Amino acid sequence: MSIKTNTFQMKAFLIALIINIIIFDTVIGALVNCINGKCEFTNSFHYKTASTFCLQTLTFEDVETDYSFFTILRTGEQCQVYKSED
């Protein structure tokens, strides 16, 4: 193999890696719908439904989930989860 071929393969690999990171970052993000502390999650690794002390209404809100709380990405607010289902 020549050096040009190796350089091209490395560039193609790096571009594919960056595209994968961008796609998986948006695909894996969790969404939540909440009414009066009862929440349903889409694409969450930690739970499917949960009860929380946060009482605001959320509709398809981007969140980051953890084992005992979730963070609303738009506001940075953390909502403690006291009951959940997988």
C-alpha atoms as a PDB file:
ATOM      1  CA  MET A   1       0.000   0.000   0.000  1.00  0.00           C
ATOM      2  CA  SER A   2       1.150   3.456  -0.720  1.00  0.00           C
ATOM      3  CA  ILE A   3       1.173   6.381   1.690  1.00  0.00           C
ATOM      4  CA  LYS A   4      -1.601   8.117  -0.296  1.00  0.00           C
ATOM      5  CA  THR A   5      -3.909   5.134   0.195  1.00  0.00           C
ATOM      6  CA  ASN A   6      -3.222   5.035   3.942  1.00  0.00           C
ATOM      7  CA  THR A   7      -3.859   8.783   4.256  1.00  0.00           C
ATOM      8  CA  PHE A   8      -7.129   8.493   2.338  1.00  0.00           C
ATOM      9  CA  GLN A   9      -8.256   5.557   4.499  1.00  0.00           C
ATOM     10  CA  MET A  10      -7.418   7.465   7.690  1.00  0.00           C
ATOM     11  CA  LYS A  11      -9.360  10.545   6.531  1.00  0.00           C
ATOM     12  CA  ALA A  12     -12.344   8.394   5.533  1.00  0.00           C
ATOM     13  CA  PHE A  13     -12.252   6.634   8.906  1.00  0.00           C
ATOM     14  CA  LEU A  14     -12.136   9.930  10.832  1.00  0.00           C
ATOM     15  CA  ILE A  15     -15.027  11.375   8.823  1.00  0.00           C
ATOM     16  CA  ALA A  16     -17.103   8.232   9.424  1.00  0.00           C
ATOM     17  CA  LEU A  17     -16.265   8.384  13.137  1.00  0.00           C
ATOM     18  CA  ILE A  18     -17.333  12.032  13.429  1.00  0.00           C
ATOM     19  CA  ILE A  19     -20.590  11.374  11.570  1.00  0.00           C
ATOM     20  CA  ASN A  20     -21.350   8.414  13.863  1.00  0.00           C
ATOM     21  CA  ILE A  21     -20.749  10.525  16.965  1.00  0.00           C
ATOM     22  CA  ILE A  22     -23.101  13.235  15.674  1.00  0.00           C
ATOM     23  CA  ILE A  23     -25.829  10.741  14.736  1.00  0.00           C
ATOM     24  CA  PHE A  24     -25.644   8.675  17.924  1.00  0.00           C
ATOM     25  CA  ASP A  25     -25.537  11.787  20.092  1.00  0.00           C
ATOM     26  CA  THR A  26     -28.900  12.911  18.754  1.00  0.00           C
ATOM     27  CA  VAL A  27     -30.469   9.460  18.481  1.00  0.00           C
ATOM     28  CA  ILE A  28     -29.669   8.354  22.027  1.00  0.00           C
ATOM     29  CA  GLY A  29     -31.025  11.507  23.683  1.00  0.00           C
ATOM     30  CA  ALA A  30     -34.042  10.823  25.928  1.00  0.00           C
ATOM     31  CA  LEU A  31     -37.342  12.661  25.665  1.00  0.00           C
ATOM     32  CA  VAL A  32     -39.853  13.067  28.487  1.00  0.00           C
ATOM     33  CA  ASN A  33     -43.546  13.900  28.778  1.00  0.00           C
ATOM     34  CA  CYS A  34     -44.614  14.885  32.333  1.00  0.00           C
ATOM     35  CA  ILE A  35     -47.874  15.965  33.924  1.00  0.00           C
ATOM     36  CA  ASN A  36     -48.085  16.622  37.694  1.00  0.00           C
ATOM     37  CA  GLY A  37     -44.953  14.588  38.471  1.00  0.00           C
ATOM     38  CA  LYS A  38     -45.883  11.516  36.389  1.00  0.00           C
ATOM     39  CA  CYS A  39     -43.407  11.125  33.531  1.00  0.00           C
ATOM     40  CA  GLU A  40     -43.063   8.871  30.503  1.00  0.00           C
ATOM     41  CA  PHE A  41     -39.658   8.575  28.831  1.00  0.00           C
ATOM     42  CA  THR A  42     -38.666   7.787  25.261  1.00  0.00           C
ATOM     43  CA  ASN A  43     -35.195   6.352  24.530  1.00  0.00           C
ATOM     44  CA  SER A  44     -34.140   6.306  28.185  1.00  0.00           C
ATOM     45  CA  PHE A  45     -31.675   3.691  29.402  1.00  0.00           C
ATOM     46  CA  HIS A  46     -32.757   4.034  33.026  1.00  0.00           C
ATOM     47  CA  TYR A  47     -36.555   3.974  33.064  1.00  0.00           C
ATOM     48  CA  LYS A  48     -39.711   3.984  30.972  1.00  0.00           C
ATOM     49  CA  THR A  49     -42.019   5.732  33.473  1.00  0.00           C
ATOM     50  CA  ALA A  50     -41.213   7.613  36.674  1.00  0.00           C
ATOM     51  CA  SER A  51     -42.739   9.679  39.456  1.00  0.00           C
ATOM     52  CA  THR A  52     -40.921  12.844  40.448  1.00  0.00           C
ATOM     53  CA  PHE A  53     -41.245  15.840  42.728  1.00  0.00           C
ATOM     54  CA  CYS A  54     -41.036  18.219  39.732  1.00  0.00           C
ATOM     55  CA  LEU A  55     -44.629  19.176  38.990  1.00  0.00           C
ATOM     56  CA  GLN A  56     -44.267  21.179  35.777  1.00  0.00           C
ATOM     57  CA  THR A  57     -45.760  19.994  32.517  1.00  0.00           C
ATOM     58  CA  LEU A  58     -43.152  18.857  29.981  1.00  0.00           C
ATOM     59  CA  THR A  59     -43.920  17.864  26.400  1.00  0.00           C
ATOM     60  CA  PHE A  60     -41.239  16.057  24.402  1.00  0.00           C
ATOM     61  CA  GLU A  61     -38.531  17.754  26.439  1.00  0.00           C
ATOM     62  CA  ASP A  62     -34.883  16.693  25.938  1.00  0.00           C
ATOM     63  CA  VAL A  63     -33.470  15.227  29.150  1.00  0.00           C
ATOM     64  CA  GLU A  64     -30.419  13.393  30.418  1.00  0.00           C
ATOM     65  CA  THR A  65     -31.344  10.506  32.700  1.00  0.00           C
ATOM     66  CA  ASP A  66     -29.501   9.074  35.677  1.00  0.00           C
ATOM     67  CA  TYR A  67     -30.452   6.362  38.189  1.00  0.00           C
ATOM     68  CA  SER A  68     -32.097   8.656  40.738  1.00  0.00           C
ATOM     69  CA  PHE A  69     -32.807  11.858  38.794  1.00  0.00           C
ATOM     70  CA  PHE A  70     -33.094  13.380  35.348  1.00  0.00           C
ATOM     71  CA  THR A  71     -31.863  16.733  34.107  1.00  0.00           C
ATOM     72  CA  ILE A  72     -33.916  18.961  31.821  1.00  0.00           C
ATOM     73  CA  LEU A  73     -31.354  20.073  29.243  1.00  0.00           C
ATOM     74  CA  ARG A  74     -33.086  23.352  28.302  1.00  0.00           C
ATOM     75  CA  THR A  75     -33.154  24.709  31.879  1.00  0.00           C
ATOM     76  CA  GLY A  76     -30.527  22.597  33.675  1.00  0.00           C
ATOM     77  CA  GLU A  77     -33.070  21.690  36.382  1.00  0.00           C
ATOM     78  CA  GLN A  78     -32.668  18.310  38.085  1.00  0.00           C
ATOM     79  CA  CYS A  79     -35.786  16.357  39.009  1.00  0.00           C
ATOM     80  CA  GLN A  80     -35.459  13.689  41.705  1.00  0.00           C
ATOM     81  CA  VAL A  81     -37.110  10.349  40.836  1.00  0.00           C
ATOM     82  CA  TYR A  82     -38.686   8.486  43.752  1.00  0.00           C
ATOM     83  CA  LYS A  83     -40.503   5.714  41.860  1.00  0.00           C
ATOM     84  CA  SER A  84     -39.714   4.239  38.436  1.00  0.00           C
ATOM     85  CA  GLU A  85     -40.397   1.348  36.067  1.00  0.00           C
ATOM     86  CA  ASP A  86     -38.108  -0.125  33.429  1.00  0.00           C
END
